[in-house]
C-alpha atoms as a PDB file:
ATOM      1  CA  MET A   1     101.155 107.397  88.633  1.00  0.00           C
ATOM      2  CA  ASN A   2     104.911 107.155  88.811  1.00  0.00           C
ATOM      3  CA  PRO A   3     105.944 104.284  86.495  1.00  0.00           C
ATOM      4  CA  PHE A   4     109.006 103.498  88.598  1.00  0.00           C
ATOM      5  CA  LEU A   5     107.039 102.836  91.799  1.00  0.00           C
ATOM      6  CA  PRO A   6     105.716  99.396  90.743  1.00  0.00           C
ATOM      7  CA  ALA A   7     109.110  98.505  89.259  1.00  0.00           C
ATOM      8  CA  VAL A   8     110.811  99.250  92.589  1.00  0.00           C
ATOM      9  CA  ASN A   9     108.175  97.246  94.451  1.00  0.00           C
ATOM     10  CA  GLN A  10     108.626  94.326  92.055  1.00  0.00           C
ATOM     11  CA  LYS A  11     112.400  94.188  92.574  1.00  0.00           C
ATOM     12  CA  LEU A  12     111.966  94.306  96.344  1.00  0.00           C
ATOM     13  CA  TYR A  13     109.439  91.480  96.090  1.00  0.00           C
ATOM     14  CA  PHE A  14     111.805  89.439  93.899  1.00  0.00           C
ATOM     15  CA  CYS A  15     114.583  89.959  96.444  1.00  0.00           C
ATOM     16  CA  ASP A  16     112.272  88.747  99.187  1.00  0.00           C
ATOM     17  CA  LEU A  17     111.282  85.677  97.140  1.00  0.00           C
ATOM     18  CA  LEU A  18     114.922  84.767  96.560  1.00  0.00           C
ATOM     19  CA  LEU A  19     115.752  85.129 100.244  1.00  0.00           C
ATOM     20  CA  GLN A  20     112.824  82.873 101.144  1.00  0.00           C
ATOM     21  CA  GLN A  21     114.379  80.153  98.978  1.00  0.00           C
ATOM     22  CA  VAL A  22     117.669  80.153 100.891  1.00  0.00           C
ATOM     23  CA  ASP A  23     117.830  77.300 103.369  1.00  0.00           C
ATOM     24  CA  ARG A  24     119.002  78.848 106.633  1.00  0.00           C
ATOM     25  CA  ASN A  25     119.930  75.382 107.896  1.00  0.00           C
ATOM     26  CA  LEU A  26     122.612  74.920 105.232  1.00  0.00           C
ATOM     27  CA  THR A  27     125.235  77.300 106.560  1.00  0.00           C
ATOM     28  CA  HIS A  28     128.325  75.095 106.276  1.00  0.00           C
ATOM     29  CA  VAL A  29     127.645  73.003 103.200  1.00  0.00           C
ATOM     30  CA  VAL A  30     129.845  72.540 100.155  1.00  0.00           C
ATOM     31  CA  GLY A  31     129.251  71.624  96.550  1.00  0.00           C
ATOM     32  CA  PRO A  32     126.068  72.228  94.579  1.00  0.00           C
ATOM     33  CA  ALA A  33     123.922  73.034  97.619  1.00  0.00           C
ATOM     34  CA  ALA A  34     126.381  75.700  98.745  1.00  0.00           C
ATOM     35  CA  ASN A  35     126.564  77.114  95.230  1.00  0.00           C
ATOM     36  CA  LEU A  36     122.778  77.319  95.079  1.00  0.00           C
ATOM     37  CA  GLN A  37     122.704  79.176  98.397  1.00  0.00           C
ATOM     38  CA  LEU A  38     125.351  81.602  97.155  1.00  0.00           C
ATOM     39  CA  ALA A  39     123.565  82.085  93.818  1.00  0.00           C
ATOM     40  CA  LEU A  40     120.322  82.919  95.618  1.00  0.00           C
ATOM     41  CA  CYS A  41     122.052  85.424  97.898  1.00  0.00           C
ATOM     42  CA  GLN A  42     123.924  87.062  95.026  1.00  0.00           C
ATOM     43  CA  SER A  43     120.727  87.234  92.986  1.00  0.00           C
ATOM     44  CA  ALA A  44     118.926  88.855  95.912  1.00  0.00           C
ATOM     45  CA  LEU A  45     121.737  91.400  96.169  1.00  0.00           C
ATOM     46  CA  PHE A  46     121.392  92.285  92.493  1.00  0.00           C
ATOM     47  CA  GLN A  47     117.609  92.648  92.855  1.00  0.00           C
ATOM     48  CA  LEU A  48     118.210  95.080  95.722  1.00  0.00           C
ATOM     49  CA  GLU A  49     120.725  97.038  93.683  1.00  0.00           C
ATOM     50  CA  VAL A  50     118.352  97.279  90.711  1.00  0.00           C
ATOM     51  CA  ALA A  51     115.567  98.375  93.073  1.00  0.00           C
ATOM     52  CA  TYR A  52     117.872 101.129  94.326  1.00  0.00           C
ATOM     53  CA  ARG A  53     118.676 102.352  90.801  1.00  0.00           C
ATOM     54  CA  LEU A  54     114.976 102.341  89.929  1.00  0.00           C
ATOM     55  CA  TYR A  55     114.191 104.158  93.156  1.00  0.00           C
ATOM     56  CA  LEU A  56     116.541 106.979  92.163  1.00  0.00           C
ATOM     57  CA  ARG A  57     114.427 107.339  89.020  1.00  0.00           C
ATOM     58  CA  GLU A  58     111.236 107.175  91.061  1.00  0.00           C
ATOM     59  CA  VAL A  59     112.408 110.114  93.160  1.00  0.00           C
ATOM     60  CA  ALA A  60     113.329 112.107  90.047  1.00  0.00           C
ATOM     61  CA  THR A  61     109.968 111.382  88.426  1.00  0.00           C
ATOM     62  CA  THR A  62     108.091 112.341  91.581  1.00  0.00           C
ATOM     63  CA  TYR A  63     109.815 115.720  91.471  1.00  0.00           C
ATOM     64  CA  ARG A  64     108.807 115.993  87.795  1.00  0.00           C
ATOM     65  CA  HIS A  65     112.154 115.513  86.118  1.00  0.00           C
ATOM     66  CA  ARG A  66     111.461 114.656  82.478  1.00  0.00           C
ATOM     67  CA  ALA A  67     114.440 112.376  81.803  1.00  0.00           C
ATOM     68  CA  ALA A  68     114.447 110.195  84.904  1.00  0.00           C
ATOM     69  CA  GLU A  69     115.285 107.076  82.886  1.00  0.00           C
ATOM     70  CA  SER A  70     118.785 108.472  82.333  1.00  0.00           C
ATOM     71  CA  ILE A  71     119.562 108.575  86.069  1.00  0.00           C
ATOM     72  CA  SER A  72     121.752 105.731  87.312  1.00  0.00           C
ATOM     73  CA  SER A  73     123.481 107.178  90.375  1.00  0.00           C
ATOM     74  CA  VAL A  74     122.723 109.382  93.325  1.00  0.00           C
ATOM     75  CA  GLU A  75     125.074 111.975  91.832  1.00  0.00           C
ATOM     76  CA  GLY A  76     122.980 111.859  88.663  1.00  0.00           C
ATOM     77  CA  LEU A  77     119.825 112.289  90.723  1.00  0.00           C
ATOM     78  CA  ILE A  78     121.239 115.315  92.521  1.00  0.00           C
ATOM     79  CA  ALA A  79     122.402 116.879  89.236  1.00  0.00           C
ATOM     80  CA  ALA A  80     118.996 116.208  87.664  1.00  0.00           C
ATOM     81  CA  MET A  81     117.239 117.809  90.608  1.00  0.00           C
ATOM     82  CA  GLU A  82     119.519 120.843  90.485  1.00  0.00           C
ATOM     83  CA  SER A  83     118.719 121.232  86.778  1.00  0.00           C
ATOM     84  CA  ILE A  84     115.061 121.804  87.685  1.00  0.00           C
ATOM     85  CA  ASP A  85     115.850 123.912  90.769  1.00  0.00           C
ATOM     86  CA  GLN A  86     114.944 121.183  93.237  1.00  0.00           C
ATOM     87  CA  SER A  87     116.946 119.773  96.122  1.00  0.00           C
ATOM     88  CA  PRO A  88     114.844 117.052  97.704  1.00  0.00           C
ATOM     89  CA  SER A  89     115.790 115.758 101.119  1.00  0.00           C
ATOM     90  CA  GLU A  90     115.392 112.210  99.752  1.00  0.00           C
ATOM     91  CA  ALA A  91     118.325 112.696  97.375  1.00  0.00           C
ATOM     92  CA  GLU A  92     120.425 114.193 100.149  1.00  0.00           C
ATOM     93  CA  GLU A  93     119.659 111.298 102.486  1.00  0.00           C
ATOM     94  CA  LEU A  94     120.577 108.750  99.809  1.00  0.00           C
ATOM     95  CA  ALA A  95     123.843 110.578  99.105  1.00  0.00           C
ATOM     96  CA  ASN A  96     124.645 110.623 102.821  1.00  0.00           C
ATOM     97  CA  LEU A  97     123.904 106.899 103.129  1.00  0.00           C
ATOM     98  CA  GLU A  98     126.172 106.124 100.177  1.00  0.00           C
ATOM     99  CA  ALA A  99     128.951 108.241 101.692  1.00  0.00           C
ATOM    100  CA  ASP A 100     128.629 106.700 105.173  1.00  0.00           C
ATOM    101  CA  LYS A 101     130.880 103.628 104.949  1.00  0.00           C
ATOM    102  CA  GLY A 102     129.016 101.957 107.812  1.00  0.00           C
ATOM    103  CA  SER A 103     125.525 102.360 106.377  1.00  0.00           C
ATOM    104  CA  TRP A 104     123.429  99.559 104.954  1.00  0.00           C
ATOM    105  CA  LEU A 105     123.379 101.257 101.539  1.00  0.00           C
ATOM    106  CA  ALA A 106     127.147 101.726 101.348  1.00  0.00           C
ATOM    107  CA  ASN A 107     127.622  98.098 102.396  1.00  0.00           C
ATOM    108  CA  LEU A 108     125.106  96.918  99.789  1.00  0.00           C
ATOM    109  CA  LEU A 109     126.853  98.847  97.011  1.00  0.00           C
ATOM    110  CA  ASN A 110     130.280  97.660  98.184  1.00  0.00           C
ATOM    111  CA  ALA A 111     129.090  94.045  98.138  1.00  0.00           C
ATOM    112  CA  ARG A 112     127.811  94.576  94.599  1.00  0.00           C
ATOM    113  CA  ASP A 113     131.164  96.091  93.574  1.00  0.00           C
ATOM    114  CA  ARG A 114     133.037  93.104  95.036  1.00  0.00           C
ATOM    115  CA  LEU A 115     130.869  90.717  93.027  1.00  0.00           C
ATOM    116  CA  LEU A 116     131.592  92.637  89.847  1.00  0.00           C
ATOM    117  CA  ALA A 117     135.339  92.729  90.478  1.00  0.00           C
ATOM    118  CA  VAL A 118     137.179  90.048  88.528  1.00  0.00           C
ATOM    119  CA  GLN A 119     140.414  88.819  90.023  1.00  0.00           C
ATOM    120  CA  PRO A 120     142.932  87.754  87.373  1.00  0.00           C
ATOM    121  CA  GLN A 121     143.814  84.111  87.843  1.00  0.00           C
ATOM    122  CA  GLU A 122     146.211  81.830  86.068  1.00  0.00           C
ATOM    123  CA  ALA A 123     145.020  78.885  84.035  1.00  0.00           C
ATOM    124  CA  ALA A 124     145.573  75.546  85.740  1.00  0.00           C
ATOM    125  CA  ASN A 125     147.278  74.117  82.682  1.00  0.00           C
ATOM    126  CA  ALA A 126     148.358  76.669  80.096  1.00  0.00           C
ATOM    127  CA  ALA A 127     149.269  73.905  77.608  1.00  0.00           C
ATOM    128  CA  SER A 128     145.744  72.496  77.623  1.00  0.00           C
ATOM    129  CA  PRO A 129     143.486  73.409  74.685  1.00  0.00           C
ATOM    130  CA  ILE A 130     140.765  74.118  77.237  1.00  0.00           C
ATOM    131  CA  ALA A 131     141.642  76.831  79.706  1.00  0.00           C
ATOM    132  CA  VAL A 132     140.711  75.711  83.193  1.00  0.00           C
ATOM    133  CA  VAL A 133     140.478  78.350  85.864  1.00  0.00           C
ATOM    134  CA  GLN A 134     139.833  77.748  89.532  1.00  0.00           C
ATOM    135  CA  ILE A 135     137.014  80.008  90.688  1.00  0.00           C
ATOM    136  CA  GLU A 136     137.702  81.195  94.200  1.00  0.00           C
ATOM    137  CA  GLN A 137     134.617  81.512  96.357  1.00  0.00           C
ATOM    138  CA  GLY A 138     136.492  83.856  98.637  1.00  0.00           C
ATOM    139  CA  GLU A 139     134.639  85.732 101.285  1.00  0.00           C
ATOM    140  CA  ASP A 140     131.433  86.149  99.280  1.00  0.00           C
ATOM    141  CA  ARG A 141     130.001  82.939 100.672  1.00  0.00           C
ATOM    142  CA  ASP A 142     130.307  84.199 104.251  1.00  0.00           C
ATOM    143  CA  GLU A 143     129.596  87.866 103.583  1.00  0.00           C
ATOM    144  CA  LEU A 144     126.258  87.515 101.826  1.00  0.00           C
ATOM    145  CA  SER A 145     124.068  85.916 104.430  1.00  0.00           C
ATOM    146  CA  VAL A 146     120.291  85.807 104.411  1.00  0.00           C
ATOM    147  CA  ASP A 147     120.234  87.788 107.638  1.00  0.00           C
ATOM    148  CA  LEU A 148     122.446  90.528 106.214  1.00  0.00           C
ATOM    149  CA  LEU A 149     120.471  90.778 102.977  1.00  0.00           C
ATOM    150  CA  SER A 150     117.167  90.689 104.864  1.00  0.00           C
ATOM    151  CA  GLY A 151     118.410  93.547 107.019  1.00  0.00           C
ATOM    152  CA  TRP A 152     119.295  95.587 103.948  1.00  0.00           C
ATOM    153  CA  LEU A 153     115.922  94.785 102.383  1.00  0.00           C
ATOM    154  CA  GLU A 154     114.038  95.914 105.484  1.00  0.00           C
ATOM    155  CA  ALA A 155     116.149  99.071 105.852  1.00  0.00           C
ATOM    156  CA  PHE A 156     115.477  99.932 102.216  1.00  0.00           C
ATOM    157  CA  ARG A 157     111.749  99.249 102.537  1.00  0.00           C
ATOM    158  CA  SER A 158     111.596 101.456 105.616  1.00  0.00           C
ATOM    159  CA  LEU A 159     113.424 104.276 103.833  1.00  0.00           C
ATOM    160  CA  ILE A 160     111.165 104.004 100.778  1.00  0.00           C
ATOM    161  CA  GLU A 161     108.012 104.002 102.898  1.00  0.00           C
ATOM    162  CA  ARG A 162     109.157 107.101 104.770  1.00  0.00           C
ATOM    163  CA  HIS A 163     110.180 108.880 101.569  1.00  0.00           C
ATOM    164  CA  ARG A 164     106.960 108.004  99.758  1.00  0.00           C
ATOM    165  CA  GLU A 165     104.887 109.406 102.611  1.00  0.00           C
ATOM    166  CA  HIS A 166     106.812 112.656 102.296  1.00  0.00           C
ATOM    167  CA  MET A 167     106.749 112.721  98.483  1.00  0.00           C
ATOM    168  CA  ILE A 168     102.936 112.391  98.389  1.00  0.00           C
ATOM    169  CA  GLU A 169     102.925 116.118  98.998  1.00  0.00           C
ATOM    170  CA  CYS A 170     104.871 116.765  95.771  1.00  0.00           C
END
């Protein structure tokens, strides 16, 4: 059995659990409740992203690549497949989804990149012995909605199900 398959399923399940915890009725709240909502959505996003990285390894392992654990990008998957004279349609589809700026996968990865981007900010009082920095919530609060993340989760599950049906033949 492919060791990455249950790991992918687990991350998708964790994402689903996190999204179930988000209170859809608290759309315009501030303070701790809003921060909790945002933390749950961001955590769900990271679970989806980890599931995607693990899925790349699942595909490589299914096609009998021996060093799948070293794959961390679709480019790495394609290179790994070429090294064993394989060119699976699954890898091509994933590469196309990443390249298509309007796709769910490109949007998911862009949202992840925005969360990892650190905007330099000035300390509120440079003379203070404790540096205080105002954390801007920015657009993340509005961009990462439960509906959006649920849509990405379902699109990813659908893709995985379709791919796994095809890869059974491998």
